[in-house]
């Protein structure tokens, strides 16, 4: 799947989602979103204006932000996130850094 088409959905690994089958999981799909994927409360990528306007370098930077947020804010296991994101063919997701913390400054 190409980055421009990727819709990334996930369910945080937190107490709020305890007992839910999707807890701690990440799925990369396309739009329109399948009903099973729609059960995830978090989404990024194809559904975002910034993603659609960006070139691949810009999408890589956005993906780094999403990845950081998934693992640091939402408790998603790094390997689970990497495995799911690896279906994006035109971005090398192996180079995403787990060391980068999410930017909560509100500046885009």
N, C-alpha and C. Protein backbone atom coordinates (compact mmCIF):
# COMPACT_ATOMS: atom_id res chain seq x y z
N UNK A 1 0.84 -1.16 0.00
CA UNK A 1 0.00 0.00 0.00
C UNK A 1 0.90 1.24 0.00
N UNK A 2 0.51 2.23 -0.77
CA UNK A 2 1.27 3.48 -0.82
C UNK A 2 0.89 4.36 0.37
N UNK A 3 1.84 5.16 0.81
CA UNK A 3 1.62 6.02 1.97
C UNK A 3 0.43 6.95 1.75
N UNK A 4 0.29 7.48 0.55
CA UNK A 4 -0.79 8.44 0.30
C UNK A 4 -2.17 7.84 0.54
N UNK A 5 -2.27 6.51 0.46
CA UNK A 5 -3.55 5.81 0.63
C UNK A 5 -3.74 5.23 2.03
N UNK A 6 -2.70 5.27 2.85
CA UNK A 6 -2.72 4.57 4.14
C UNK A 6 -3.56 5.29 5.20
N UNK A 7 -4.51 4.56 5.73
CA UNK A 7 -5.29 5.01 6.88
C UNK A 7 -4.83 4.16 8.06
N UNK A 8 -4.29 4.80 9.08
CA UNK A 8 -3.73 4.10 10.24
C UNK A 8 -4.73 4.24 11.39
N UNK A 9 -5.16 3.11 11.92
CA UNK A 9 -6.11 3.12 13.04
C UNK A 9 -5.55 2.28 14.17
N UNK A 10 -5.86 2.67 15.41
CA UNK A 10 -5.36 1.91 16.55
C UNK A 10 -6.24 2.15 17.78
N UNK A 11 -6.09 1.24 18.71
CA UNK A 11 -6.76 1.35 20.00
C UNK A 11 -5.69 1.40 21.08
N UNK A 12 -5.66 2.45 21.88
CA UNK A 12 -4.64 2.54 22.93
C UNK A 12 -4.66 1.33 23.86
N UNK A 13 -3.49 1.02 24.38
CA UNK A 13 -3.35 -0.06 25.35
C UNK A 13 -3.47 0.55 26.74
N UNK A 14 -4.69 0.93 27.08
CA UNK A 14 -4.92 1.59 28.38
C UNK A 14 -6.12 0.96 29.07
N UNK A 15 -6.26 1.28 30.34
CA UNK A 15 -7.37 0.74 31.13
C UNK A 15 -8.73 1.09 30.54
N UNK A 16 -8.81 2.23 29.89
CA UNK A 16 -10.07 2.66 29.29
C UNK A 16 -10.62 1.63 28.31
N UNK A 17 -9.71 0.91 27.65
CA UNK A 17 -10.11 -0.07 26.63
C UNK A 17 -9.97 -1.51 27.11
N UNK A 18 -9.86 -1.70 28.41
CA UNK A 18 -9.73 -3.04 28.98
C UNK A 18 -10.90 -3.92 28.54
N UNK A 19 -10.59 -5.12 28.13
CA UNK A 19 -11.61 -6.06 27.69
C UNK A 19 -11.99 -5.96 26.23
N UNK A 20 -11.48 -4.94 25.54
CA UNK A 20 -11.78 -4.79 24.11
C UNK A 20 -10.75 -5.56 23.30
N UNK A 21 -11.22 -6.28 22.31
CA UNK A 21 -10.35 -7.12 21.49
C UNK A 21 -9.29 -6.32 20.75
N UNK A 22 -9.58 -5.06 20.43
CA UNK A 22 -8.64 -4.24 19.66
C UNK A 22 -7.61 -3.53 20.52
N UNK A 23 -7.71 -3.66 21.83
CA UNK A 23 -6.80 -2.94 22.73
C UNK A 23 -5.34 -3.25 22.39
N UNK A 24 -4.55 -2.18 22.18
CA UNK A 24 -3.13 -2.34 21.90
C UNK A 24 -2.81 -2.74 20.47
N UNK A 25 -3.79 -2.69 19.59
CA UNK A 25 -3.58 -3.12 18.20
C UNK A 25 -3.57 -1.94 17.25
N UNK A 26 -2.85 -2.13 16.13
CA UNK A 26 -2.73 -1.14 15.07
C UNK A 26 -3.07 -1.82 13.76
N UNK A 27 -3.83 -1.14 12.91
CA UNK A 27 -4.18 -1.65 11.59
C UNK A 27 -3.92 -0.55 10.57
N UNK A 28 -3.34 -0.91 9.44
CA UNK A 28 -3.19 0.02 8.34
C UNK A 28 -4.10 -0.47 7.23
N UNK A 29 -4.99 0.39 6.79
CA UNK A 29 -6.00 0.03 5.80
C UNK A 29 -6.15 1.19 4.82
N UNK A 30 -7.18 1.15 4.02
CA UNK A 30 -7.47 2.23 3.08
C UNK A 30 -8.89 2.73 3.33
N UNK A 31 -9.21 3.83 2.70
CA UNK A 31 -10.57 4.35 2.79
C UNK A 31 -11.34 3.86 1.57
N UNK A 32 -12.61 3.53 1.67
CA UNK A 32 -13.38 3.59 2.90
C UNK A 32 -12.96 2.49 3.86
N UNK A 33 -13.04 2.81 5.12
CA UNK A 33 -12.59 1.94 6.19
C UNK A 33 -13.55 0.77 6.39
N UNK A 34 -12.99 -0.42 6.53
CA UNK A 34 -13.80 -1.61 6.80
C UNK A 34 -14.43 -1.49 8.19
N UNK A 35 -15.61 -2.06 8.40
CA UNK A 35 -16.27 -1.95 9.71
C UNK A 35 -15.39 -2.42 10.88
N UNK A 36 -14.62 -3.47 10.69
CA UNK A 36 -13.77 -3.96 11.78
C UNK A 36 -12.71 -2.93 12.15
N UNK A 37 -12.17 -2.23 11.17
CA UNK A 37 -11.17 -1.20 11.43
C UNK A 37 -11.79 0.03 12.07
N UNK A 38 -13.04 0.29 11.75
CA UNK A 38 -13.73 1.46 12.29
C UNK A 38 -13.94 1.37 13.80
N UNK A 39 -13.77 0.18 14.35
CA UNK A 39 -13.92 0.00 15.80
C UNK A 39 -12.77 0.63 16.58
N UNK A 40 -11.67 0.95 15.91
CA UNK A 40 -10.53 1.59 16.58
C UNK A 40 -10.84 3.07 16.77
N UNK A 41 -10.64 3.61 17.97
CA UNK A 41 -11.00 5.00 18.23
C UNK A 41 -10.00 6.03 17.70
N UNK A 42 -8.79 5.61 17.38
CA UNK A 42 -7.76 6.55 16.93
C UNK A 42 -7.50 6.33 15.44
N UNK A 43 -7.30 7.42 14.72
CA UNK A 43 -6.98 7.29 13.30
C UNK A 43 -6.07 8.43 12.87
N UNK A 44 -5.30 8.16 11.83
CA UNK A 44 -4.38 9.14 11.27
C UNK A 44 -4.07 8.71 9.84
N UNK A 45 -3.43 9.60 9.11
CA UNK A 45 -3.05 9.26 7.75
C UNK A 45 -4.04 9.80 6.75
N UNK A 46 -4.54 8.95 5.88
CA UNK A 46 -5.39 9.33 4.75
C UNK A 46 -6.57 10.20 5.16
N UNK A 47 -7.03 10.08 6.36
CA UNK A 47 -8.18 10.86 6.83
C UNK A 47 -7.79 12.28 7.26
N UNK A 48 -6.50 12.60 7.25
CA UNK A 48 -6.02 13.91 7.71
C UNK A 48 -5.62 14.81 6.55
N UNK A 49 -6.02 16.07 6.64
CA UNK A 49 -5.69 17.05 5.61
C UNK A 49 -4.18 17.17 5.40
N UNK A 50 -3.42 17.28 6.49
CA UNK A 50 -1.96 17.44 6.38
C UNK A 50 -1.33 16.27 5.64
N UNK A 51 -1.81 15.06 5.90
CA UNK A 51 -1.29 13.85 5.24
C UNK A 51 -1.54 13.93 3.74
N UNK A 52 -2.74 14.35 3.37
CA UNK A 52 -3.11 14.41 1.96
C UNK A 52 -2.34 15.49 1.20
N UNK A 53 -1.98 16.55 1.88
CA UNK A 53 -1.25 17.65 1.25
C UNK A 53 0.26 17.42 1.19
N UNK A 54 0.77 16.50 1.99
CA UNK A 54 2.22 16.29 2.11
C UNK A 54 2.76 15.42 0.98
N UNK A 55 4.06 15.62 0.70
CA UNK A 55 4.77 14.69 -0.18
C UNK A 55 5.26 13.54 0.70
N UNK A 56 5.99 12.58 0.12
CA UNK A 56 6.39 11.42 0.92
C UNK A 56 7.32 11.79 2.08
N UNK A 57 8.18 12.78 1.89
CA UNK A 57 9.04 13.21 2.99
C UNK A 57 8.20 13.78 4.13
N UNK A 58 7.20 14.56 3.78
CA UNK A 58 6.29 15.10 4.78
C UNK A 58 5.48 14.01 5.47
N UNK A 59 5.06 13.02 4.69
CA UNK A 59 4.31 11.90 5.28
C UNK A 59 5.19 11.10 6.23
N UNK A 60 6.46 10.96 5.89
CA UNK A 60 7.38 10.27 6.80
C UNK A 60 7.44 11.01 8.14
N UNK A 61 7.56 12.33 8.09
CA UNK A 61 7.62 13.12 9.32
C UNK A 61 6.32 12.99 10.13
N UNK A 62 5.19 13.00 9.44
CA UNK A 62 3.91 12.81 10.13
C UNK A 62 3.82 11.41 10.72
N UNK A 63 4.28 10.42 9.96
CA UNK A 63 4.25 9.04 10.45
C UNK A 63 5.12 8.89 11.69
N UNK A 64 6.25 9.59 11.72
CA UNK A 64 7.10 9.56 12.92
C UNK A 64 6.32 10.10 14.12
N UNK A 65 5.57 11.18 13.91
CA UNK A 65 4.76 11.74 15.00
C UNK A 65 3.70 10.75 15.46
N UNK A 66 3.02 10.13 14.51
CA UNK A 66 1.98 9.15 14.86
C UNK A 66 2.59 7.96 15.62
N UNK A 67 3.72 7.47 15.11
CA UNK A 67 4.41 6.33 15.73
C UNK A 67 4.80 6.68 17.17
N UNK A 68 5.39 7.84 17.36
CA UNK A 68 5.79 8.28 18.70
C UNK A 68 4.59 8.38 19.63
N UNK A 69 3.50 8.92 19.13
CA UNK A 69 2.29 9.04 19.94
C UNK A 69 1.73 7.67 20.30
N UNK A 70 1.72 6.76 19.33
CA UNK A 70 1.21 5.41 19.60
C UNK A 70 1.97 4.74 20.73
N UNK A 71 3.30 4.78 20.66
CA UNK A 71 4.07 4.01 21.64
C UNK A 71 4.25 4.74 22.97
N UNK A 72 4.37 6.07 22.94
CA UNK A 72 4.62 6.80 24.18
C UNK A 72 3.33 7.26 24.88
N UNK A 73 2.34 7.69 24.11
CA UNK A 73 1.09 8.17 24.71
C UNK A 73 0.07 7.06 24.91
N UNK A 74 0.00 6.15 23.94
CA UNK A 74 -1.08 5.17 23.92
C UNK A 74 -0.65 3.77 24.33
N UNK A 75 0.62 3.59 24.68
CA UNK A 75 1.07 2.31 25.20
C UNK A 75 1.10 1.16 24.21
N UNK A 76 1.12 1.48 22.93
CA UNK A 76 1.20 0.43 21.90
C UNK A 76 2.62 -0.13 21.91
N UNK A 77 2.75 -1.43 21.88
CA UNK A 77 4.06 -2.06 21.81
C UNK A 77 4.75 -1.63 20.51
N UNK A 78 6.00 -1.23 20.62
CA UNK A 78 6.77 -0.76 19.46
C UNK A 78 6.75 -1.76 18.32
N UNK A 79 6.92 -3.03 18.63
CA UNK A 79 6.98 -4.06 17.58
C UNK A 79 5.62 -4.26 16.91
N UNK A 80 4.56 -4.12 17.66
CA UNK A 80 3.21 -4.21 17.09
C UNK A 80 3.00 -3.06 16.11
N UNK A 81 3.39 -1.85 16.51
CA UNK A 81 3.24 -0.69 15.64
C UNK A 81 4.10 -0.84 14.38
N UNK A 82 5.35 -1.24 14.54
CA UNK A 82 6.24 -1.41 13.38
C UNK A 82 5.70 -2.45 12.41
N UNK A 83 5.23 -3.57 12.94
CA UNK A 83 4.70 -4.64 12.09
C UNK A 83 3.51 -4.13 11.26
N UNK A 84 2.60 -3.43 11.90
CA UNK A 84 1.43 -2.92 11.19
C UNK A 84 1.82 -1.89 10.14
N UNK A 85 2.73 -0.99 10.49
CA UNK A 85 3.14 0.08 9.57
C UNK A 85 3.99 -0.44 8.42
N UNK A 86 4.55 -1.62 8.55
CA UNK A 86 5.44 -2.16 7.51
C UNK A 86 4.73 -2.42 6.19
N UNK A 87 3.41 -2.40 6.16
CA UNK A 87 2.69 -2.60 4.89
C UNK A 87 2.75 -1.37 4.00
N UNK A 88 3.22 -0.25 4.54
CA UNK A 88 3.37 0.96 3.73
C UNK A 88 4.63 0.80 2.89
N UNK A 89 4.44 0.66 1.59
CA UNK A 89 5.52 0.26 0.68
C UNK A 89 6.53 1.36 0.38
N UNK A 90 6.10 2.60 0.30
CA UNK A 90 6.99 3.65 -0.18
C UNK A 90 7.60 4.51 0.94
N UNK A 91 7.48 4.05 2.17
CA UNK A 91 8.16 4.68 3.31
C UNK A 91 8.86 3.58 4.09
N UNK A 92 10.13 3.80 4.40
CA UNK A 92 10.88 2.81 5.17
C UNK A 92 10.54 2.98 6.65
N UNK A 93 9.55 2.25 7.09
CA UNK A 93 9.09 2.39 8.47
C UNK A 93 10.08 1.82 9.49
N UNK A 94 11.05 1.05 9.02
CA UNK A 94 12.07 0.50 9.93
C UNK A 94 12.93 1.61 10.52
N UNK A 95 12.97 2.76 9.87
CA UNK A 95 13.80 3.86 10.35
C UNK A 95 13.06 4.79 11.32
N UNK A 96 11.80 4.51 11.60
CA UNK A 96 11.08 5.32 12.59
C UNK A 96 11.75 5.13 13.95
N UNK A 97 11.91 6.21 14.68
CA UNK A 97 12.62 6.16 15.96
C UNK A 97 11.66 6.07 17.14
N UNK A 98 11.92 5.10 18.00
CA UNK A 98 11.17 4.98 19.25
C UNK A 98 11.71 5.94 20.30
N UNK A 99 12.84 6.57 20.02
CA UNK A 99 13.48 7.49 20.97
C UNK A 99 12.85 8.88 20.92
N UNK A 100 12.17 9.20 19.84
CA UNK A 100 11.58 10.53 19.69
C UNK A 100 10.26 10.57 20.46
N UNK A 101 10.15 11.53 21.35
CA UNK A 101 8.94 11.69 22.14
C UNK A 101 7.91 12.50 21.36
N UNK A 102 6.63 12.28 21.62
CA UNK A 102 5.59 13.04 20.92
C UNK A 102 5.71 14.53 21.22
N UNK A 103 5.37 15.33 20.22
CA UNK A 103 5.39 16.78 20.36
C UNK A 103 3.99 17.23 20.79
N UNK A 104 3.87 17.69 22.01
CA UNK A 104 2.58 18.13 22.52
C UNK A 104 2.49 19.65 22.59
N UNK A 105 3.32 20.32 21.79
CA UNK A 105 3.35 21.78 21.83
C UNK A 105 2.15 22.41 21.15
N UNK A 106 1.46 21.65 20.30
CA UNK A 106 0.31 22.19 19.58
C UNK A 106 0.70 22.90 18.31
N UNK A 107 1.99 22.93 18.01
CA UNK A 107 2.46 23.56 16.77
C UNK A 107 2.59 22.50 15.70
N UNK A 108 1.96 22.74 14.56
CA UNK A 108 2.05 21.77 13.45
C UNK A 108 3.16 22.12 12.51
